[in-house]
PDB file of N, CA and C in Angstrom:
ATOM      1  N   MET A   1     105.431-193.369 269.065  1.00  0.00           N
ATOM      2  CA  MET A   1     104.790-194.243 268.178  1.00  0.00           C
ATOM      3  C   MET A   1     105.663-194.432 266.900  1.00  0.00           C
ATOM      4  N   THR A   2     105.931-195.550 266.536  1.00  0.00           N
ATOM      5  CA  THR A   2     106.693-195.931 265.332  1.00  0.00           C
ATOM      6  C   THR A   2     105.694-196.028 264.129  1.00  0.00           C
ATOM      7  N   ARG A   3     106.069-195.342 263.037  1.00  0.00           N
ATOM      8  CA  ARG A   3     105.430-195.404 261.780  1.00  0.00           C
ATOM      9  C   ARG A   3     106.365-195.894 260.687  1.00  0.00           C
ATOM     10  N   TYR A   4     105.868-196.537 259.802  1.00  0.00           N
ATOM     11  CA  TYR A   4     106.621-197.114 258.674  1.00  0.00           C
ATOM     12  C   TYR A   4     106.076-196.390 257.374  1.00  0.00           C
ATOM     13  N   GLU A   5     106.964-195.989 256.602  1.00  0.00           N
ATOM     14  CA  GLU A   5     106.688-195.462 255.313  1.00  0.00           C
ATOM     15  C   GLU A   5     107.209-196.343 254.255  1.00  0.00           C
ATOM     16  N   GLU A   6     106.560-196.529 253.088  1.00  0.00           N
ATOM     17  CA  GLU A   6     106.955-197.349 251.995  1.00  0.00           C
ATOM     18  C   GLU A   6     107.129-196.620 250.740  1.00  0.00           C
ATOM     19  N   ALA A   7     108.093-196.934 249.954  1.00  0.00           N
ATOM     20  CA  ALA A   7     108.248-196.349 248.587  1.00  0.00           C
ATOM     21  C   ALA A   7     108.751-197.435 247.611  1.00  0.00           C
ATOM     22  N   THR A   8     108.172-197.405 246.548  1.00  0.00           N
ATOM     23  CA  THR A   8     108.544-198.381 245.397  1.00  0.00           C
ATOM     24  C   THR A   8     109.351-197.655 244.392  1.00  0.00           C
ATOM     25  N   ILE A   9     110.545-198.124 244.154  1.00  0.00           N
ATOM     26  CA  ILE A   9     111.452-197.420 243.230  1.00  0.00           C
ATOM     27  C   ILE A   9     111.917-198.414 242.217  1.00  0.00           C
ATOM     28  N   THR A  10     111.759-198.127 240.893  1.00  0.00           N
ATOM     29  CA  THR A  10     112.202-199.024 239.781  1.00  0.00           C
ATOM     30  C   THR A  10     113.545-198.540 239.298  1.00  0.00           C
ATOM     31  N   PRO A  11     114.618-199.273 239.556  1.00  0.00           N
ATOM     32  CA  PRO A  11     115.918-198.781 239.174  1.00  0.00           C
ATOM     33  C   PRO A  11     116.109-198.831 237.607  1.00  0.00           C
ATOM     34  N   ILE A  12     116.884-197.859 237.146  1.00  0.00           N
ATOM     35  CA  ILE A  12     117.240-197.742 235.821  1.00  0.00           C
ATOM     36  C   ILE A  12     118.768-197.825 235.666  1.00  0.00           C
ATOM     37  N   SER A  13     119.136-198.765 234.784  1.00  0.00           N
ATOM     38  CA  SER A  13     120.664-199.054 234.707  1.00  0.00           C
ATOM     39  C   SER A  13     121.517-197.800 234.463  1.00  0.00           C
ATOM     40  N   GLY A  14     122.515-197.689 235.355  1.00  0.00           N
ATOM     41  CA  GLY A  14     123.419-196.496 235.264  1.00  0.00           C
ATOM     42  C   GLY A  14     122.906-195.287 235.818  1.00  0.00           C
ATOM     43  N   SER A  15     121.742-195.171 236.502  1.00  0.00           N
ATOM     44  CA  SER A  15     121.135-193.998 236.895  1.00  0.00           C
ATOM     45  C   SER A  15     120.711-194.103 238.344  1.00  0.00           C
ATOM     46  N   GLU A  16     120.597-192.889 238.983  1.00  0.00           N
ATOM     47  CA  GLU A  16     120.072-192.872 240.341  1.00  0.00           C
ATOM     48  C   GLU A  16     118.582-192.352 240.221  1.00  0.00           C
ATOM     49  N   VAL A  17     117.758-193.170 240.857  1.00  0.00           N
ATOM     50  CA  VAL A  17     116.316-192.956 240.770  1.00  0.00           C
ATOM     51  C   VAL A  17     115.852-192.733 242.246  1.00  0.00           C
ATOM     52  N   PHE A  18     115.155-191.542 242.341  1.00  0.00           N
ATOM     53  CA  PHE A  18     114.578-191.219 243.708  1.00  0.00           C
ATOM     54  C   PHE A  18     113.177-191.718 243.818  1.00  0.00           C
ATOM     55  N   ALA A  19     112.642-191.920 244.973  1.00  0.00           N
ATOM     56  CA  ALA A  19     111.209-192.082 245.222  1.00  0.00           C
ATOM     57  C   ALA A  19     110.565-190.863 244.769  1.00  0.00           C
ATOM     58  N   SER A  20     109.314-191.080 244.357  1.00  0.00           N
ATOM     59  CA  SER A  20     108.668-189.905 243.686  1.00  0.00           C
ATOM     60  C   SER A  20     108.406-188.749 244.689  1.00  0.00           C
ATOM     61  N   GLU A  21     108.322-189.080 245.971  1.00  0.00           N
ATOM     62  CA  GLU A  21     108.128-188.052 246.923  1.00  0.00           C
ATOM     63  C   GLU A  21     109.027-188.254 248.121  1.00  0.00           C
ATOM     64  N   ALA A  22     109.245-187.229 248.925  1.00  0.00           N
ATOM     65  CA  ALA A  22     110.032-187.335 250.132  1.00  0.00           C
ATOM     66  C   ALA A  22     109.404-188.422 250.980  1.00  0.00           C
ATOM     67  N   LEU A  23     110.237-189.163 251.649  1.00  0.00           N
ATOM     68  CA  LEU A  23     109.759-190.329 252.459  1.00  0.00           C
ATOM     69  C   LEU A  23     109.148-189.718 253.741  1.00  0.00           C
ATOM     70  N   VAL A  24     109.855-188.827 254.393  1.00  0.00           N
ATOM     71  CA  VAL A  24     109.403-188.221 255.659  1.00  0.00           C
ATOM     72  C   VAL A  24     109.766-186.674 255.576  1.00  0.00           C
ATOM     73  N   VAL A  25     108.952-185.855 256.130  1.00  0.00           N
ATOM     74  CA  VAL A  25     109.193-184.390 256.180  1.00  0.00           C
ATOM     75  C   VAL A  25     109.047-184.044 257.636  1.00  0.00           C
ATOM     76  N   GLY A  26     110.059-183.335 258.190  1.00  0.00           N
ATOM     77  CA  GLY A  26     109.952-182.758 259.522  1.00  0.00           C
ATOM     78  C   GLY A  26     108.818-181.791 259.753  1.00  0.00           C
ATOM     79  N   GLN A  27     108.168-181.789 260.860  1.00  0.00           N
ATOM     80  CA  GLN A  27     107.012-180.919 261.105  1.00  0.00           C
ATOM     81  C   GLN A  27     107.260-180.227 262.397  1.00  0.00           C
ATOM     82  N   GLU A  28     106.805-178.988 262.470  1.00  0.00           N
ATOM     83  CA  GLU A  28     106.836-178.241 263.662  1.00  0.00           C
ATOM     84  C   GLU A  28     106.207-178.932 264.821  1.00  0.00           C
ATOM     85  N   GLY A  29     106.883-179.042 265.965  1.00  0.00           N
ATOM     86  CA  GLY A  29     106.247-179.631 267.182  1.00  0.00           C
ATOM     87  C   GLY A  29     106.250-181.132 267.215  1.00  0.00           C
ATOM     88  N   LYS A  30     106.742-181.779 266.126  1.00  0.00           N
ATOM     89  CA  LYS A  30     106.783-183.246 266.132  1.00  0.00           C
ATOM     90  C   LYS A  30     108.269-183.641 265.913  1.00  0.00           C
ATOM     91  N   LYS A  31     108.640-184.582 266.675  1.00  0.00           N
ATOM     92  CA  LYS A  31     109.994-185.238 266.513  1.00  0.00           C
ATOM     93  C   LYS A  31     109.904-186.218 265.423  1.00  0.00           C
ATOM     94  N   LYS A  32     110.683-186.112 264.416  1.00  0.00           N
ATOM     95  CA  LYS A  32     110.780-187.186 263.392  1.00  0.00           C
ATOM     96  C   LYS A  32     112.185-187.711 263.375  1.00  0.00           C
ATOM     97  N   ARG A  33     112.406-189.074 263.364  1.00  0.00           N
ATOM     98  CA  ARG A  33     113.630-189.668 263.314  1.00  0.00           C
ATOM     99  C   ARG A  33     113.655-190.805 262.349  1.00  0.00           C
ATOM    100  N   ILE A  34     114.627-190.941 261.541  1.00  0.00           N
ATOM    101  CA  ILE A  34     114.768-192.079 260.666  1.00  0.00           C
ATOM    102  C   ILE A  34     115.739-193.106 261.380  1.00  0.00           C
ATOM    103  N   THR A  35     115.247-194.337 261.375  1.00  0.00           N
ATOM    104  CA  THR A  35     115.946-195.348 262.117  1.00  0.00           C
ATOM    105  C   THR A  35     116.441-196.459 261.168  1.00  0.00           C
ATOM    106  N   GLY A  36     115.915-196.461 259.942  1.00  0.00           N
ATOM    107  CA  GLY A  36     116.470-197.467 259.066  1.00  0.00           C
ATOM    108  C   GLY A  36     115.704-197.515 257.708  1.00  0.00           C
ATOM    109  N   VAL A  37     116.414-198.241 256.789  1.00  0.00           N
ATOM    110  CA  VAL A  37     115.837-198.376 255.440  1.00  0.00           C
ATOM    111  C   VAL A  37     115.976-199.817 255.015  1.00  0.00           C
ATOM    112  N   TYR A  38     114.826-200.430 254.559  1.00  0.00           N
ATOM    113  CA  TYR A  38     114.957-201.888 254.145  1.00  0.00           C
ATOM    114  C   TYR A  38     114.850-201.969 252.631  1.00  0.00           C
ATOM    115  N   ALA A  39     115.822-202.723 252.075  1.00  0.00           N
ATOM    116  CA  ALA A  39     115.929-202.863 250.660  1.00  0.00           C
ATOM    117  C   ALA A  39     115.631-204.277 250.274  1.00  0.00           C
ATOM    118  N   LEU A  40     114.799-204.519 249.187  1.00  0.00           N
ATOM    119  CA  LEU A  40     114.347-205.825 248.787  1.00  0.00           C
ATOM    120  C   LEU A  40     115.013-206.158 247.432  1.00  0.00           C
ATOM    121  N   ASP A  41     115.508-207.348 247.241  1.00  0.00           N
ATOM    122  CA  ASP A  41     115.999-207.900 246.029  1.00  0.00           C
ATOM    123  C   ASP A  41     116.650-206.996 245.105  1.00  0.00           C
ATOM    124  N   THR A  42     117.745-206.400 245.529  1.00  0.00           N
ATOM    125  CA  THR A  42     118.455-205.454 244.654  1.00  0.00           C
ATOM    126  C   THR A  42     119.924-205.671 244.634  1.00  0.00           C
ATOM    127  N   ASN A  43     120.263-206.783 244.061  1.00  0.00           N
ATOM    128  CA  ASN A  43     121.690-207.184 244.068  1.00  0.00           C
ATOM    129  C   ASN A  43     122.730-206.326 243.414  1.00  0.00           C
ATOM    130  N   THR A  44     122.276-205.603 242.383  1.00  0.00           N
ATOM    131  CA  THR A  44     123.282-204.731 241.690  1.00  0.00           C
ATOM    132  C   THR A  44     122.942-203.253 241.995  1.00  0.00           C
ATOM    133  N   ILE A  45     122.455-203.003 243.146  1.00  0.00           N
ATOM    134  CA  ILE A  45     121.968-201.616 243.429  1.00  0.00           C
ATOM    135  C   ILE A  45     122.663-201.051 244.677  1.00  0.00           C
ATOM    136  N   HIS A  46     122.823-199.885 244.674  1.00  0.00           N
ATOM    137  CA  HIS A  46     123.241-199.104 245.931  1.00  0.00           C
ATOM    138  C   HIS A  46     122.008-198.364 246.440  1.00  0.00           C
ATOM    139  N   THR A  47     121.796-198.515 247.736  1.00  0.00           N
ATOM    140  CA  THR A  47     120.761-197.664 248.441  1.00  0.00           C
ATOM    141  C   THR A  47     121.299-196.491 248.938  1.00  0.00           C
ATOM    142  N   ARG A  48     120.640-195.285 248.683  1.00  0.00           N
ATOM    143  CA  ARG A  48     121.133-194.056 249.142  1.00  0.00           C
ATOM    144  C   ARG A  48     120.091-193.311 249.994  1.00  0.00           C
ATOM    145  N   VAL A  49     120.488-192.712 251.016  1.00  0.00           N
ATOM    146  CA  VAL A  49     119.513-191.958 251.812  1.00  0.00           C
ATOM    147  C   VAL A  49     120.037-190.494 251.904  1.00  0.00           C
ATOM    148  N   TYR A  50     119.087-189.583 251.837  1.00  0.00           N
ATOM    149  CA  TYR A  50     119.429-188.100 251.759  1.00  0.00           C
ATOM    150  C   TYR A  50     118.594-187.379 252.846  1.00  0.00           C
ATOM    151  N   ARG A  51     119.290-186.448 253.560  1.00  0.00           N
ATOM    152  CA  ARG A  51     118.561-185.502 254.361  1.00  0.00           C
ATOM    153  C   ARG A  51     118.684-184.114 253.493  1.00  0.00           C
ATOM    154  N   ASP A  52     117.576-183.556 253.075  1.00  0.00           N
ATOM    155  CA  ASP A  52     117.531-182.425 252.145  1.00  0.00           C
ATOM    156  C   ASP A  52     118.454-182.816 250.956  1.00  0.00           C
ATOM    157  N   SER A  53     119.552-182.156 250.695  1.00  0.00           N
ATOM    158  CA  SER A  53     120.383-182.499 249.575  1.00  0.00           C
ATOM    159  C   SER A  53     121.673-183.180 249.941  1.00  0.00           C
ATOM    160  N   ASP A  54     121.746-183.438 251.239  1.00  0.00           N
ATOM    161  CA  ASP A  54     123.030-183.994 251.705  1.00  0.00           C
ATOM    162  C   ASP A  54     122.843-185.608 251.862  1.00  0.00           C
ATOM    163  N   ARG A  55     123.797-186.363 251.299  1.00  0.00           N
ATOM    164  CA  ARG A  55     123.725-187.813 251.300  1.00  0.00           C
ATOM    165  C   ARG A  55     124.183-188.259 252.702  1.00  0.00           C
ATOM    166  N   ILE A  56     123.345-188.957 253.332  1.00  0.00           N
ATOM    167  CA  ILE A  56     123.598-189.462 254.718  1.00  0.00           C
ATOM    168  C   ILE A  56     124.208-190.897 254.658  1.00  0.00           C
ATOM    169  N   ALA A  57     123.755-191.713 253.675  1.00  0.00           N
ATOM    170  CA  ALA A  57     124.326-193.112 253.598  1.00  0.00           C
ATOM    171  C   ALA A  57     124.180-193.588 252.149  1.00  0.00           C
ATOM    172  N   SER A  58     125.187-194.429 251.840  1.00  0.00           N
ATOM    173  CA  SER A  58     125.130-195.043 250.550  1.00  0.00           C
ATOM    174  C   SER A  58     125.927-196.418 250.743  1.00  0.00           C
ATOM    175  N   ILE A  59     125.096-197.385 250.470  1.00  0.00           N
ATOM    176  CA  ILE A  59     125.664-198.744 250.719  1.00  0.00           C
ATOM    177  C   ILE A  59     125.336-199.702 249.504  1.00  0.00           C
ATOM    178  N   ASP A  60     126.355-200.503 249.096  1.00  0.00           N
ATOM    179  CA  ASP A  60     126.165-201.499 248.083  1.00  0.00           C
ATOM    180  C   ASP A  60     125.336-202.548 248.691  1.00  0.00           C
ATOM    181  N   ASN A  61     124.184-202.929 248.136  1.00  0.00           N
ATOM    182  CA  ASN A  61     123.347-203.965 248.671  1.00  0.00           C
ATOM    183  C   ASN A  61     123.923-205.275 248.691  1.00  0.00           C
ATOM    184  N   ASN A  62     124.979-205.541 247.948  1.00  0.00           N
ATOM    185  CA  ASN A  62     125.652-206.866 248.094  1.00  0.00           C
ATOM    186  C   ASN A  62     126.314-207.028 249.385  1.00  0.00           C
ATOM    187  N   ALA A  63     126.524-205.969 250.104  1.00  0.00           N
ATOM    188  CA  ALA A  63     127.121-205.979 251.472  1.00  0.00           C
ATOM    189  C   ALA A  63     126.098-206.766 252.440  1.00  0.00           C
ATOM    190  N   PHE A  64     124.890-206.827 252.104  1.00  0.00           N
ATOM    191  CA  PHE A  64     123.893-207.480 252.881  1.00  0.00           C
ATOM    192  C   PHE A  64     123.998-208.997 252.698  1.00  0.00           C
ATOM    193  N   GLY A  65     124.746-209.430 251.756  1.00  0.00           N
ATOM    194  CA  GLY A  65     124.941-210.919 251.538  1.00  0.00           C
ATOM    195  C   GLY A  65     123.958-211.506 250.568  1.00  0.00           C
ATOM    196  N   ASP A  66     122.682-211.476 250.900  1.00  0.00           N
ATOM    197  CA  ASP A  66     121.732-212.139 250.026  1.00  0.00           C
ATOM    198  C   ASP A  66     121.008-210.965 249.151  1.00  0.00           C
ATOM    199  N   GLY A  67     121.372-209.767 249.276  1.00  0.00           N
ATOM    200  CA  GLY A  67     120.741-208.692 248.422  1.00  0.00           C
ATOM    201  C   GLY A  67     119.578-208.132 249.139  1.00  0.00           C
ATOM    202  N   ASN A  68     119.138-208.571 250.243  1.00  0.00           N
ATOM    203  CA  ASN A  68     118.111-208.011 250.944  1.00  0.00           C
ATOM    204  C   ASN A  68     118.635-207.681 252.359  1.00  0.00           C
ATOM    205  N   GLY A  69     118.251-206.406 252.826  1.00  0.00           N
ATOM    206  CA  GLY A  69     118.832-206.051 254.131  1.00  0.00           C
ATOM    207  C   GLY A  69     118.233-204.775 254.685  1.00  0.00           C
ATOM    208  N   PHE A  70     118.446-204.651 255.934  1.00  0.00           N
ATOM    209  CA  PHE A  70     118.045-203.425 256.657  1.00  0.00           C
ATOM    210  C   PHE A  70     119.239-202.586 256.974  1.00  0.00           C
ATOM    211  N   LEU A  71     119.246-201.390 256.539  1.00  0.00           N
ATOM    212  CA  LEU A  71     120.315-200.414 256.811  1.00  0.00           C
ATOM    213  C   LEU A  71     119.931-199.643 257.984  1.00  0.00           C
ATOM    214  N   LEU A  72     120.615-199.857 259.103  1.00  0.00           N
ATOM    215  CA  LEU A  72     120.268-199.085 260.281  1.00  0.00           C
ATOM    216  C   LEU A  72     120.867-197.729 260.216  1.00  0.00           C
ATOM    217  N   LEU A  73     119.992-196.777 260.613  1.00  0.00           N
ATOM    218  CA  LEU A  73     120.330-195.284 260.556  1.00  0.00           C
ATOM    219  C   LEU A  73     119.800-194.631 261.859  1.00  0.00           C
ATOM    220  N   ASP A  74     120.211-193.509 262.158  1.00  0.00           N
ATOM    221  CA  ASP A  74     119.693-192.815 263.285  1.00  0.00           C
ATOM    222  C   ASP A  74     120.028-191.259 263.091  1.00  0.00           C
ATOM    223  N   PHE A  75     119.025-190.614 262.444  1.00  0.00           N
ATOM    224  CA  PHE A  75     119.125-189.189 262.455  1.00  0.00           C
ATOM    225  C   PHE A  75     117.853-188.452 262.501  1.00  0.00           C
ATOM    226  N   ASP A  76     117.837-187.407 263.049  1.00  0.00           N
ATOM    227  CA  ASP A  76     116.657-186.559 263.319  1.00  0.00           C
ATOM    228  C   ASP A  76     116.337-185.590 262.090  1.00  0.00           C
ATOM    229  N   LEU A  77     115.030-185.179 261.991  1.00  0.00           N
ATOM    230  CA  LEU A  77     114.777-184.305 260.951  1.00  0.00           C
ATOM    231  C   LEU A  77     114.084-182.998 261.653  1.00  0.00           C
ATOM    232  N   ALA A  78     114.753-181.894 261.422  1.00  0.00           N
ATOM    233  CA  ALA A  78     114.259-180.586 261.881  1.00  0.00           C
ATOM    234  C   ALA A  78     113.026-180.154 261.151  1.00  0.00           C
ATOM    235  N   PRO A  79     112.159-179.215 261.617  1.00  0.00           N
ATOM    236  CA  PRO A  79     110.975-178.881 260.824  1.00  0.00           C
ATOM    237  C   PRO A  79     111.431-178.309 259.429  1.00  0.00           C
ATOM    238  N   GLY A  80     110.720-178.852 258.430  1.00  0.00           N
ATOM    239  CA  GLY A  80     110.994-178.476 257.026  1.00  0.00           C
ATOM    240  C   GLY A  80     112.037-179.349 256.263  1.00  0.00           C
ATOM    241  N   GLN A  81     112.841-180.220 257.073  1.00  0.00           N
ATOM    242  CA  GLN A  81     113.768-181.038 256.413  1.00  0.00           C
ATOM    243  C   GLN A  81     113.048-182.284 255.857  1.00  0.00           C
ATOM    244  N   GLN A  82     113.693-182.741 254.741  1.00  0.00           N
ATOM    245  CA  GLN A  82     113.111-183.958 254.067  1.00  0.00           C
ATOM    246  C   GLN A  82     114.077-185.076 254.033  1.00  0.00           C
ATOM    247  N   ALA A  83     113.609-186.304 254.259  1.00  0.00           N
ATOM    248  CA  ALA A  83     114.349-187.477 254.052  1.00  0.00           C
ATOM    249  C   ALA A  83     113.920-188.192 252.695  1.00  0.00           C
ATOM    250  N   LYS A  84     114.874-188.459 251.868  1.00  0.00           N
ATOM    251  CA  LYS A  84     114.642-189.094 250.584  1.00  0.00           C
ATOM    252  C   LYS A  84     115.456-190.287 250.467  1.00  0.00           C
ATOM    253  N   VAL A  85     114.894-191.277 249.594  1.00  0.00           N
ATOM    254  CA  VAL A  85     115.605-192.511 249.476  1.00  0.00           C
ATOM    255  C   VAL A  85     115.782-192.623 247.859  1.00  0.00           C
ATOM    256  N   ALA A  86     116.911-193.180 247.431  1.00  0.00           N
ATOM    257  CA  ALA A  86     117.205-193.354 246.057  1.00  0.00           C
ATOM    258  C   ALA A  86     117.915-194.734 245.823  1.00  0.00           C
ATOM    259  N   LEU A  87     117.727-195.225 244.647  1.00  0.00           N
ATOM    260  CA  LEU A  87     118.555-196.401 244.239  1.00  0.00           C
ATOM    261  C   LEU A  87     119.433-196.110 243.191  1.00  0.00           C
ATOM    262  N   PHE A  88     120.577-196.619 243.078  1.00  0.00           N
ATOM    263  CA  PHE A  88     121.576-196.354 242.066  1.00  0.00           C
ATOM    264  C   PHE A  88     121.911-197.724 241.537  1.00  0.00           C
ATOM    265  N   SER A  89     121.665-197.888 240.241  1.00  0.00           N
ATOM    266  CA  SER A  89     121.926-199.183 239.590  1.00  0.00           C
ATOM    267  C   SER A  89     123.366-199.136 239.100  1.00  0.00           C
ATOM    268  N   THR A  90     124.101-200.258 239.430  1.00  0.00           N
ATOM    269  CA  THR A  90     125.522-200.315 239.010  1.00  0.00           C
ATOM    270  C   THR A  90     125.700-201.118 237.755  1.00  0.00           C
ATOM    271  N   SER A  91     124.630-201.691 237.218  1.00  0.00           N
ATOM    272  CA  SER A  91     124.707-202.464 236.032  1.00  0.00           C
ATOM    273  C   SER A  91     123.836-201.892 234.914  1.00  0.00           C
TER     274      SER A  91
END
């Protein structure tokens, strides 16, 4: 079954801002997989995705062309691992 999680992040100029809580946490006996992140209206922003403290992806949202886009990912979470999303403002 596919589930969608949503996080609202307000970017701060020149800073990396994380969602207030982990987006997804791996659980014992359940398979958790991150398949993508969707960014809205963030022309001067980098979207970053972390598994625990390791950065998995970082993309300049201008690469999406119109500033909106879906970043395809494919990584599993082991029990206890966390997936976090952050925005980094370049202006």
